[in-house]
């Protein structure tokens, strides 16, 4: 009888150890914790803002307002560059534009004006130019209707110390992915 009690006690202890082990292993395999790491892709988006007051007639000696700025409408800061293109190339010879060479750097090789500072979300840049003047010594018969088209591109500023390194990176990536 004493052996029977001892065997029962040992079996009971083994049963308790097994139950504890099984529930521990079950808990180990069923325990879970969720951590949501939401990541969003930054995008840069810009909008050209223009205050344009066209003249009634194009004639020698007139000036008219064309104030060109850029607004950052994306969700991250960026650098941008702007190009002004005449639809009538001959009119370039008769026009003077007061380009802002303080806040913009002109690159003759690609024709872009590079804004020197990054532009933060929601901010508006300084003016690229504000006035277009027709040379007063030009012949009326040489003057033609024209538009000045504004084209702008942006590049995310994160990871770059200045506009020059950002656009060099852009050009390098453009050349290697094409």
N, C-alpha and C. Protein backbone atom coordinates (compact mmCIF):
# COMPACT_ATOMS: atom_id res chain seq x y z
N UNK A 1 0.82 -1.17 0.00
CA UNK A 1 0.00 0.00 0.00
C UNK A 1 0.87 1.25 0.00
N UNK A 2 1.96 1.16 0.71
CA UNK A 2 2.86 2.28 0.76
C UNK A 2 3.46 2.52 -0.62
N UNK A 3 3.77 1.48 -1.33
CA UNK A 3 4.31 1.61 -2.69
C UNK A 3 3.25 2.19 -3.63
N UNK A 4 2.03 1.79 -3.41
CA UNK A 4 0.94 2.28 -4.25
C UNK A 4 0.76 3.78 -4.04
N UNK A 5 0.85 4.25 -2.80
CA UNK A 5 0.73 5.68 -2.52
C UNK A 5 1.91 6.44 -3.13
N UNK A 6 3.06 5.84 -3.04
CA UNK A 6 4.26 6.48 -3.57
C UNK A 6 4.17 6.57 -5.10
N UNK A 7 3.69 5.54 -5.74
CA UNK A 7 3.53 5.52 -7.19
C UNK A 7 2.49 6.56 -7.60
N UNK A 8 1.40 6.64 -6.84
CA UNK A 8 0.33 7.61 -7.13
C UNK A 8 0.85 9.04 -6.97
N UNK A 9 1.65 9.27 -5.97
CA UNK A 9 2.21 10.59 -5.73
C UNK A 9 3.16 10.95 -6.87
N UNK A 10 3.99 10.02 -7.27
CA UNK A 10 4.92 10.27 -8.37
C UNK A 10 4.15 10.52 -9.67
N UNK A 11 3.14 9.73 -9.95
CA UNK A 11 2.31 9.93 -11.14
C UNK A 11 1.61 11.30 -11.11
N UNK A 12 1.14 11.68 -9.92
CA UNK A 12 0.49 12.97 -9.77
C UNK A 12 1.48 14.10 -10.05
N UNK A 13 2.68 13.97 -9.53
CA UNK A 13 3.72 14.99 -9.76
C UNK A 13 4.08 15.04 -11.24
N UNK A 14 4.23 13.90 -11.86
CA UNK A 14 4.54 13.86 -13.30
C UNK A 14 3.41 14.50 -14.11
N UNK A 15 2.17 14.21 -13.71
CA UNK A 15 1.01 14.78 -14.39
C UNK A 15 1.00 16.31 -14.26
N UNK A 16 1.28 16.79 -13.05
CA UNK A 16 1.32 18.23 -12.83
C UNK A 16 2.44 18.87 -13.67
N UNK A 17 3.62 18.24 -13.70
CA UNK A 17 4.74 18.75 -14.49
C UNK A 17 4.39 18.75 -15.98
N UNK A 18 3.76 17.69 -16.46
CA UNK A 18 3.37 17.62 -17.86
C UNK A 18 2.34 18.69 -18.22
N UNK A 19 1.36 18.86 -17.35
CA UNK A 19 0.34 19.88 -17.61
C UNK A 19 0.97 21.26 -17.63
N UNK A 20 1.86 21.52 -16.69
CA UNK A 20 2.55 22.80 -16.63
C UNK A 20 3.41 22.99 -17.88
N UNK A 21 4.12 21.98 -18.31
CA UNK A 21 4.98 22.06 -19.48
C UNK A 21 4.15 22.29 -20.75
N UNK A 22 3.07 21.56 -20.89
CA UNK A 22 2.23 21.69 -22.07
C UNK A 22 1.60 23.07 -22.13
N UNK A 23 1.07 23.57 -21.01
CA UNK A 23 0.47 24.91 -21.03
C UNK A 23 1.54 25.97 -21.26
N UNK A 24 2.74 25.77 -20.76
CA UNK A 24 3.84 26.72 -21.00
C UNK A 24 4.24 26.73 -22.47
N UNK A 25 4.36 25.55 -23.05
CA UNK A 25 4.71 25.46 -24.47
C UNK A 25 3.58 26.05 -25.32
N UNK A 26 2.35 25.76 -24.96
CA UNK A 26 1.20 26.30 -25.68
C UNK A 26 1.20 27.84 -25.60
N UNK A 27 1.47 28.34 -24.42
CA UNK A 27 1.52 29.80 -24.24
C UNK A 27 2.66 30.40 -25.07
N UNK A 28 3.78 29.72 -25.14
CA UNK A 28 4.92 30.19 -25.91
C UNK A 28 4.57 30.28 -27.40
N UNK A 29 3.87 29.29 -27.92
CA UNK A 29 3.53 29.28 -29.34
C UNK A 29 2.33 30.15 -29.69
N UNK A 30 1.49 30.44 -28.75
CA UNK A 30 0.30 31.23 -29.06
C UNK A 30 0.43 32.69 -28.64
N UNK A 31 1.46 33.04 -27.90
CA UNK A 31 1.64 34.42 -27.48
C UNK A 31 2.04 35.26 -28.69
N UNK A 32 1.40 36.37 -28.88
CA UNK A 32 1.79 37.24 -29.97
C UNK A 32 1.55 38.69 -29.57
N UNK A 33 2.34 39.53 -30.19
CA UNK A 33 2.21 40.95 -29.96
C UNK A 33 2.34 41.63 -31.32
N UNK A 34 1.53 42.59 -31.58
CA UNK A 34 1.54 43.27 -32.86
C UNK A 34 2.01 44.70 -32.67
N UNK A 35 2.91 45.10 -33.51
CA UNK A 35 3.40 46.47 -33.50
C UNK A 35 3.27 46.98 -34.93
N UNK A 36 2.41 47.96 -35.12
CA UNK A 36 2.22 48.53 -36.45
C UNK A 36 3.21 49.65 -36.68
N UNK A 37 4.02 49.51 -37.71
CA UNK A 37 4.95 50.55 -38.13
C UNK A 37 4.48 51.08 -39.46
N UNK A 38 3.73 52.14 -39.40
CA UNK A 38 3.21 52.73 -40.62
C UNK A 38 4.29 53.58 -41.25
N UNK A 39 4.57 53.29 -42.51
CA UNK A 39 5.56 54.05 -43.25
C UNK A 39 4.87 54.67 -44.45
N UNK A 40 5.17 55.91 -44.69
CA UNK A 40 4.63 56.57 -45.86
C UNK A 40 5.78 57.06 -46.73
N UNK A 41 5.52 57.10 -47.99
CA UNK A 41 6.51 57.58 -48.93
C UNK A 41 6.36 59.08 -49.04
N UNK A 42 7.46 59.79 -48.89
CA UNK A 42 7.42 61.23 -49.07
C UNK A 42 7.29 61.56 -50.54
N UNK A 43 6.55 62.57 -50.85
CA UNK A 43 6.45 63.01 -52.23
C UNK A 43 6.58 64.52 -52.27
N UNK A 44 7.28 64.97 -53.25
CA UNK A 44 7.40 66.41 -53.41
C UNK A 44 6.55 66.82 -54.60
N UNK A 45 5.84 67.89 -54.39
CA UNK A 45 4.95 68.41 -55.41
C UNK A 45 5.01 69.93 -55.33
N UNK A 46 5.09 70.56 -56.47
CA UNK A 46 5.16 72.02 -56.49
C UNK A 46 4.08 72.56 -57.43
N UNK A 47 3.77 73.81 -57.21
CA UNK A 47 2.78 74.49 -58.05
C UNK A 47 3.38 75.84 -58.46
N UNK A 48 3.28 76.14 -59.73
CA UNK A 48 3.74 77.44 -60.23
C UNK A 48 2.65 78.46 -59.95
N UNK A 49 3.03 79.54 -59.30
CA UNK A 49 2.08 80.61 -58.99
C UNK A 49 2.51 81.82 -59.81
N UNK A 50 1.57 82.35 -60.56
CA UNK A 50 1.90 83.42 -61.48
C UNK A 50 0.89 84.55 -61.38
N UNK A 51 1.37 85.77 -61.23
CA UNK A 51 0.53 86.96 -61.31
C UNK A 51 0.89 87.61 -62.64
N UNK A 52 0.02 87.43 -63.62
CA UNK A 52 0.30 87.88 -64.98
C UNK A 52 -0.73 88.91 -65.42
N UNK A 53 -0.23 90.06 -65.83
CA UNK A 53 -1.10 91.12 -66.33
C UNK A 53 -0.64 91.46 -67.75
N UNK A 54 -1.20 90.77 -68.74
CA UNK A 54 -0.74 90.96 -70.12
C UNK A 54 -1.09 92.34 -70.65
N UNK A 55 -0.26 92.85 -71.53
CA UNK A 55 -0.56 94.15 -72.14
C UNK A 55 -1.68 94.00 -73.18
N UNK A 56 -2.36 95.08 -73.45
CA UNK A 56 -3.39 95.04 -74.48
C UNK A 56 -2.76 94.88 -75.86
N UNK A 57 -1.58 95.48 -76.01
CA UNK A 57 -0.89 95.41 -77.30
C UNK A 57 0.62 95.37 -77.03
N UNK A 58 1.30 94.56 -77.81
CA UNK A 58 2.76 94.48 -77.69
C UNK A 58 3.34 95.57 -78.57
N UNK A 59 4.05 96.51 -77.94
CA UNK A 59 4.67 97.60 -78.68
C UNK A 59 5.97 98.00 -77.99
N UNK A 60 6.86 98.67 -78.70
CA UNK A 60 8.16 99.06 -78.14
C UNK A 60 8.00 99.91 -76.87
N UNK A 61 8.85 99.62 -75.90
CA UNK A 61 8.93 100.41 -74.68
C UNK A 61 7.96 100.04 -73.57
N UNK A 62 7.07 99.08 -73.79
CA UNK A 62 6.13 98.74 -72.72
C UNK A 62 6.73 97.72 -71.76
N UNK A 63 6.20 97.69 -70.58
CA UNK A 63 6.54 96.68 -69.56
C UNK A 63 5.23 96.13 -69.03
N UNK A 64 5.26 94.87 -68.67
CA UNK A 64 4.07 94.28 -68.07
C UNK A 64 4.48 93.32 -66.96
N UNK A 65 3.56 93.11 -66.05
CA UNK A 65 3.83 92.30 -64.87
C UNK A 65 3.65 90.81 -65.19
N UNK A 66 4.63 90.06 -64.79
CA UNK A 66 4.57 88.59 -64.84
C UNK A 66 5.42 88.13 -63.66
N UNK A 67 4.79 87.95 -62.53
CA UNK A 67 5.46 87.58 -61.28
C UNK A 67 5.36 86.07 -61.12
N UNK A 68 6.50 85.38 -61.19
CA UNK A 68 6.54 83.92 -61.18
C UNK A 68 7.16 83.44 -59.87
N UNK A 69 6.39 82.61 -59.14
CA UNK A 69 6.86 82.00 -57.89
C UNK A 69 6.50 80.53 -57.91
N UNK A 70 7.03 79.79 -56.94
CA UNK A 70 6.73 78.36 -56.82
C UNK A 70 6.31 78.07 -55.39
N UNK A 71 5.26 77.25 -55.24
CA UNK A 71 4.77 76.86 -53.92
C UNK A 71 4.97 75.36 -53.74
N UNK A 72 5.43 74.97 -52.56
CA UNK A 72 5.59 73.55 -52.23
C UNK A 72 4.25 73.02 -51.72
N UNK A 73 3.61 72.16 -52.50
CA UNK A 73 2.32 71.58 -52.12
C UNK A 73 2.45 70.11 -51.75
N UNK A 74 3.67 69.60 -51.67
CA UNK A 74 3.90 68.20 -51.30
C UNK A 74 3.91 68.01 -49.80
N UNK A 75 4.45 66.88 -49.36
CA UNK A 75 4.51 66.61 -47.92
C UNK A 75 5.94 66.57 -47.38
N UNK A 76 6.90 67.08 -48.15
CA UNK A 76 8.28 67.16 -47.68
C UNK A 76 8.96 68.35 -48.33
N UNK A 77 10.02 68.81 -47.71
CA UNK A 77 10.74 69.94 -48.28
C UNK A 77 11.48 69.50 -49.55
N UNK A 78 11.73 70.46 -50.42
CA UNK A 78 12.36 70.11 -51.69
C UNK A 78 13.14 71.29 -52.25
N UNK A 79 13.97 70.97 -53.23
CA UNK A 79 14.63 71.97 -54.05
C UNK A 79 13.89 72.00 -55.38
N UNK A 80 13.92 73.14 -56.06
CA UNK A 80 13.28 73.18 -57.36
C UNK A 80 14.10 74.00 -58.33
N UNK A 81 13.81 73.78 -59.60
CA UNK A 81 14.44 74.55 -60.67
C UNK A 81 13.34 74.94 -61.65
N UNK A 82 13.57 76.06 -62.32
CA UNK A 82 12.55 76.64 -63.20
C UNK A 82 13.19 77.04 -64.52
N UNK A 83 12.43 76.85 -65.58
CA UNK A 83 12.88 77.27 -66.90
C UNK A 83 11.80 78.16 -67.51
N UNK A 84 12.20 79.26 -68.11
CA UNK A 84 11.28 80.15 -68.82
C UNK A 84 11.58 80.02 -70.31
N UNK A 85 10.55 79.66 -71.09
CA UNK A 85 10.73 79.40 -72.52
C UNK A 85 9.80 80.28 -73.33
N UNK A 86 10.35 80.98 -74.31
CA UNK A 86 9.55 81.79 -75.23
C UNK A 86 8.93 80.90 -76.30
N UNK A 87 7.67 81.13 -76.60
CA UNK A 87 7.03 80.36 -77.69
C UNK A 87 7.44 80.91 -79.05
N UNK A 88 7.90 82.14 -79.09
CA UNK A 88 8.42 82.74 -80.31
C UNK A 88 9.86 83.14 -80.00
N UNK A 89 10.80 82.36 -80.48
CA UNK A 89 12.22 82.59 -80.14
C UNK A 89 12.72 83.96 -80.59
N UNK A 90 12.17 84.52 -81.66
CA UNK A 90 12.60 85.84 -82.13
C UNK A 90 12.33 86.92 -81.09
N UNK A 91 11.27 86.75 -80.31
CA UNK A 91 10.90 87.76 -79.32
C UNK A 91 11.90 87.85 -78.17
N UNK A 92 12.71 86.81 -77.99
CA UNK A 92 13.75 86.86 -76.96
C UNK A 92 14.70 88.04 -77.21
N UNK A 93 14.89 88.38 -78.48
CA UNK A 93 15.80 89.47 -78.84
C UNK A 93 15.24 90.85 -78.48
N UNK A 94 13.93 90.95 -78.27
CA UNK A 94 13.30 92.24 -78.01
C UNK A 94 12.83 92.40 -76.57
N UNK A 95 12.99 91.36 -75.78
CA UNK A 95 12.48 91.39 -74.40
C UNK A 95 13.61 91.44 -73.39
N UNK A 96 13.31 92.09 -72.30
CA UNK A 96 14.20 92.06 -71.14
C UNK A 96 13.37 91.55 -69.97
N UNK A 97 13.90 90.56 -69.28
CA UNK A 97 13.22 89.99 -68.11
C UNK A 97 14.12 90.23 -66.90
N UNK A 98 13.54 90.71 -65.81
CA UNK A 98 14.32 91.03 -64.60
C UNK A 98 14.51 89.78 -63.72
N UNK A 99 15.26 88.82 -64.22
CA UNK A 99 15.50 87.58 -63.48
C UNK A 99 16.16 87.87 -62.13
N UNK A 100 15.73 87.13 -61.12
CA UNK A 100 16.25 87.25 -59.76
C UNK A 100 17.53 86.40 -59.66
N UNK A 101 18.67 87.04 -59.81
CA UNK A 101 19.95 86.32 -59.74
C UNK A 101 20.51 86.26 -58.33
N UNK A 102 19.76 86.75 -57.36
CA UNK A 102 20.17 86.66 -55.96
C UNK A 102 19.73 85.34 -55.35
N UNK A 103 18.48 84.98 -55.55
CA UNK A 103 17.93 83.76 -54.96
C UNK A 103 17.99 82.56 -55.90
N UNK A 104 18.29 82.82 -57.17
CA UNK A 104 18.37 81.76 -58.17
C UNK A 104 19.74 81.77 -58.82
N UNK A 105 20.22 80.59 -59.18
CA UNK A 105 21.45 80.45 -59.97
C UNK A 105 21.06 79.95 -61.35
N UNK A 106 21.53 80.63 -62.38
CA UNK A 106 21.23 80.21 -63.75
C UNK A 106 22.31 79.25 -64.23
N UNK A 107 21.89 78.14 -64.82
CA UNK A 107 22.82 77.18 -65.39
C UNK A 107 22.66 77.25 -66.91
N UNK A 108 23.66 77.80 -67.55
CA UNK A 108 23.60 78.01 -68.99
C UNK A 108 23.51 76.71 -69.77
N UNK A 109 24.10 75.64 -69.25
CA UNK A 109 24.12 74.38 -70.01
C UNK A 109 22.75 73.72 -70.12
N UNK A 110 21.88 73.91 -69.13
CA UNK A 110 20.54 73.29 -69.23
C UNK A 110 19.40 74.31 -69.27
N UNK A 111 19.72 75.60 -69.09
CA UNK A 111 18.70 76.64 -69.19
C UNK A 111 17.81 76.79 -67.98
N UNK A 112 18.13 76.13 -66.87
CA UNK A 112 17.31 76.20 -65.66
C UNK A 112 17.84 77.27 -64.70
N UNK A 113 16.91 77.85 -63.95
CA UNK A 113 17.22 78.70 -62.81
C UNK A 113 17.00 77.85 -61.56
N UNK A 114 18.05 77.64 -60.79
CA UNK A 114 18.00 76.79 -59.59
C UNK A 114 17.78 77.66 -58.37
N UNK A 115 16.71 77.36 -57.62
CA UNK A 115 16.45 78.08 -56.38
C UNK A 115 17.47 77.61 -55.37
N UNK A 116 18.16 78.54 -54.72
CA UNK A 116 19.30 78.21 -53.87
C UNK A 116 18.91 77.57 -52.54
N UNK A 117 17.73 77.86 -52.04
CA UNK A 117 17.30 77.35 -50.74
C UNK A 117 16.26 76.25 -50.92
N UNK A 118 16.19 75.35 -49.96
CA UNK A 118 15.10 74.38 -50.00
C UNK A 118 13.81 75.11 -49.64
N UNK A 119 12.74 74.59 -50.14
CA UNK A 119 11.44 75.21 -49.88
C UNK A 119 10.63 74.22 -49.04
N UNK A 120 10.19 74.67 -47.89
CA UNK A 120 9.47 73.80 -46.96
C UNK A 120 8.01 73.65 -47.39
N UNK A 121 7.36 72.66 -46.82
CA UNK A 121 5.96 72.36 -47.13
C UNK A 121 5.11 73.61 -46.89
N UNK A 122 4.32 73.97 -47.89
CA UNK A 122 3.41 75.10 -47.78
C UNK A 122 4.03 76.45 -48.07
N UNK A 123 5.35 76.52 -48.17
CA UNK A 123 6.02 77.81 -48.41
C UNK A 123 5.99 78.19 -49.89
N UNK A 124 6.13 79.48 -50.12
CA UNK A 124 6.20 80.03 -51.47
C UNK A 124 7.56 80.67 -51.65
N UNK A 125 8.16 80.44 -52.80
CA UNK A 125 9.51 80.96 -53.07
C UNK A 125 9.48 82.46 -53.36
N UNK A 126 10.68 83.00 -53.45
CA UNK A 126 10.84 84.36 -53.96
C UNK A 126 10.53 84.32 -55.46
N UNK A 127 10.31 85.47 -56.04
CA UNK A 127 9.97 85.56 -57.46
C UNK A 127 11.17 85.22 -58.34
N UNK A 128 10.92 84.45 -59.38
CA UNK A 128 11.95 84.20 -60.40
C UNK A 128 12.15 85.49 -61.20
N UNK A 129 11.06 86.13 -61.56
CA UNK A 129 11.08 87.45 -62.16
C UNK A 129 9.72 88.09 -61.96
N UNK A 130 9.65 89.40 -62.17
CA UNK A 130 8.39 90.11 -61.93
C UNK A 130 7.94 90.95 -63.12
N UNK A 131 8.87 91.33 -64.00
CA UNK A 131 8.53 92.24 -65.08
C UNK A 131 9.17 91.80 -66.40
N UNK A 132 8.40 91.95 -67.46
CA UNK A 132 8.90 91.73 -68.82
C UNK A 132 8.79 93.06 -69.54
N UNK A 133 9.89 93.49 -70.14
CA UNK A 133 9.92 94.77 -70.86
C UNK A 133 10.28 94.53 -72.32
N UNK A 134 9.59 95.27 -73.20
CA UNK A 134 9.91 95.23 -74.63
C UNK A 134 10.87 96.38 -74.91
N UNK A 135 11.95 96.07 -75.61
CA UNK A 135 12.98 97.07 -75.93
C UNK A 135 12.34 98.25 -76.66
N UNK A 136 12.62 99.44 -76.20
CA UNK A 136 12.02 100.64 -76.80
C UNK A 136 12.57 100.95 -78.18
N UNK A 137 13.72 100.39 -78.54
CA UNK A 137 14.33 100.62 -79.85
C UNK A 137 13.92 99.59 -80.89
N UNK A 138 13.03 98.67 -80.52
CA UNK A 138 12.61 97.64 -81.47
C UNK A 138 11.57 98.20 -82.45
N UNK A 139 11.55 97.64 -83.65
CA UNK A 139 10.59 98.04 -84.68
C UNK A 139 9.26 97.35 -84.42
N UNK A 140 8.18 98.10 -84.51
CA UNK A 140 6.85 97.54 -84.27
C UNK A 140 6.58 96.35 -85.21
N UNK A 141 7.05 96.45 -86.44
CA UNK A 141 6.80 95.37 -87.42
C UNK A 141 7.51 94.07 -87.04
N UNK A 142 8.57 94.15 -86.23
CA UNK A 142 9.31 92.95 -85.81
C UNK A 142 8.65 92.24 -84.63
N UNK A 143 7.78 92.94 -83.91
CA UNK A 143 7.17 92.37 -82.72
C UNK A 143 6.02 91.43 -83.08
N UNK A 144 6.00 90.28 -82.44
CA UNK A 144 4.99 89.25 -82.68
C UNK A 144 4.38 88.83 -81.35
N UNK A 145 3.21 88.21 -81.43
CA UNK A 145 2.61 87.64 -80.23
C UNK A 145 3.50 86.51 -79.71
N UNK A 146 3.57 86.39 -78.41
CA UNK A 146 4.39 85.34 -77.80
C UNK A 146 3.88 85.03 -76.40
N UNK A 147 4.27 83.89 -75.90
CA UNK A 147 4.03 83.49 -74.52
C UNK A 147 5.38 83.16 -73.90
N UNK A 148 5.44 83.28 -72.59
CA UNK A 148 6.61 82.80 -71.86
C UNK A 148 6.09 81.66 -71.01
N UNK A 149 6.47 80.45 -71.40
CA UNK A 149 6.04 79.25 -70.68
C UNK A 149 6.98 79.00 -69.51
N UNK A 150 6.41 78.65 -68.38
CA UNK A 150 7.20 78.37 -67.18
C UNK A 150 7.11 76.88 -66.90
N UNK A 151 8.27 76.27 -66.79
CA UNK A 151 8.37 74.83 -66.52
C UNK A 151 9.19 74.67 -65.24
N UNK A 152 8.72 73.85 -64.31
CA UNK A 152 9.44 73.67 -63.04
C UNK A 152 9.52 72.20 -62.67
N UNK A 153 10.61 71.84 -62.02
CA UNK A 153 10.83 70.49 -61.50
C UNK A 153 11.29 70.60 -60.05
N UNK A 154 10.99 69.58 -59.26
CA UNK A 154 11.43 69.58 -57.86
C UNK A 154 12.13 68.28 -57.53
N UNK A 155 12.93 68.33 -56.46
CA UNK A 155 13.68 67.17 -55.99
C UNK A 155 13.73 67.22 -54.47
N UNK A 156 13.42 66.11 -53.83
CA UNK A 156 13.38 66.06 -52.36
C UNK A 156 14.70 66.54 -51.76
N UNK A 157 14.61 67.35 -50.71
CA UNK A 157 15.82 67.93 -50.12
C UNK A 157 16.43 67.07 -49.02
N UNK A 158 15.67 66.13 -48.48
CA UNK A 158 16.20 65.29 -47.39
C UNK A 158 17.46 64.56 -47.85
N UNK A 159 18.49 64.66 -47.04
CA UNK A 159 19.75 63.98 -47.34
C UNK A 159 20.76 64.82 -48.11
N UNK A 160 20.39 66.07 -48.41
CA UNK A 160 21.28 66.93 -49.18
C UNK A 160 21.50 68.24 -48.43
N UNK A 161 22.75 68.70 -48.44
CA UNK A 161 23.10 69.93 -47.74
C UNK A 161 22.75 71.18 -48.53
N UNK A 162 22.67 71.06 -49.85
CA UNK A 162 22.39 72.23 -50.68
C UNK A 162 21.76 71.80 -52.00
N UNK A 163 21.28 72.78 -52.73
CA UNK A 163 20.58 72.48 -53.99
C UNK A 163 21.51 71.84 -55.02
N UNK A 164 22.77 72.25 -55.02
CA UNK A 164 23.72 71.74 -56.00
C UNK A 164 23.93 70.23 -55.84
N UNK A 165 24.13 69.77 -54.62
CA UNK A 165 24.34 68.33 -54.41
C UNK A 165 23.07 67.54 -54.70
N UNK A 166 21.91 68.12 -54.42
CA UNK A 166 20.65 67.44 -54.72
C UNK A 166 20.49 67.24 -56.22
N UNK A 167 20.72 68.29 -56.98
CA UNK A 167 20.53 68.17 -58.44
C UNK A 167 21.63 67.36 -59.10
N UNK A 168 22.82 67.33 -58.52
CA UNK A 168 23.86 66.44 -59.03
C UNK A 168 23.44 64.99 -58.83
N UNK A 169 22.87 64.72 -57.66
CA UNK A 169 22.36 63.37 -57.39
C UNK A 169 21.25 63.02 -58.37
N UNK A 170 20.35 63.95 -58.61
CA UNK A 170 19.26 63.74 -59.57
C UNK A 170 19.82 63.36 -60.93
N UNK A 171 20.80 64.14 -61.40
CA UNK A 171 21.37 63.90 -62.71
C UNK A 171 22.09 62.54 -62.76
N UNK A 172 22.80 62.23 -61.70
CA UNK A 172 23.51 60.95 -61.63
C UNK A 172 22.52 59.79 -61.66
N UNK A 173 21.45 59.87 -60.88
CA UNK A 173 20.42 58.80 -60.87
C UNK A 173 19.70 58.73 -62.20
N UNK A 174 19.47 59.86 -62.82
CA UNK A 174 18.79 59.90 -64.11
C UNK A 174 19.64 59.19 -65.15
N UNK A 175 20.95 59.42 -65.12
CA UNK A 175 21.86 58.82 -66.09
C UNK A 175 22.02 57.33 -65.88
N UNK A 176 21.94 56.86 -64.63
CA UNK A 176 22.16 55.44 -64.38
C UNK A 176 20.89 54.60 -64.53
N UNK A 177 19.72 55.22 -64.48
CA UNK A 177 18.49 54.44 -64.57
C UNK A 177 17.89 54.44 -65.96
N UNK A 178 18.40 55.28 -66.83
CA UNK A 178 17.83 55.35 -68.19
C UNK A 178 18.44 54.31 -69.06
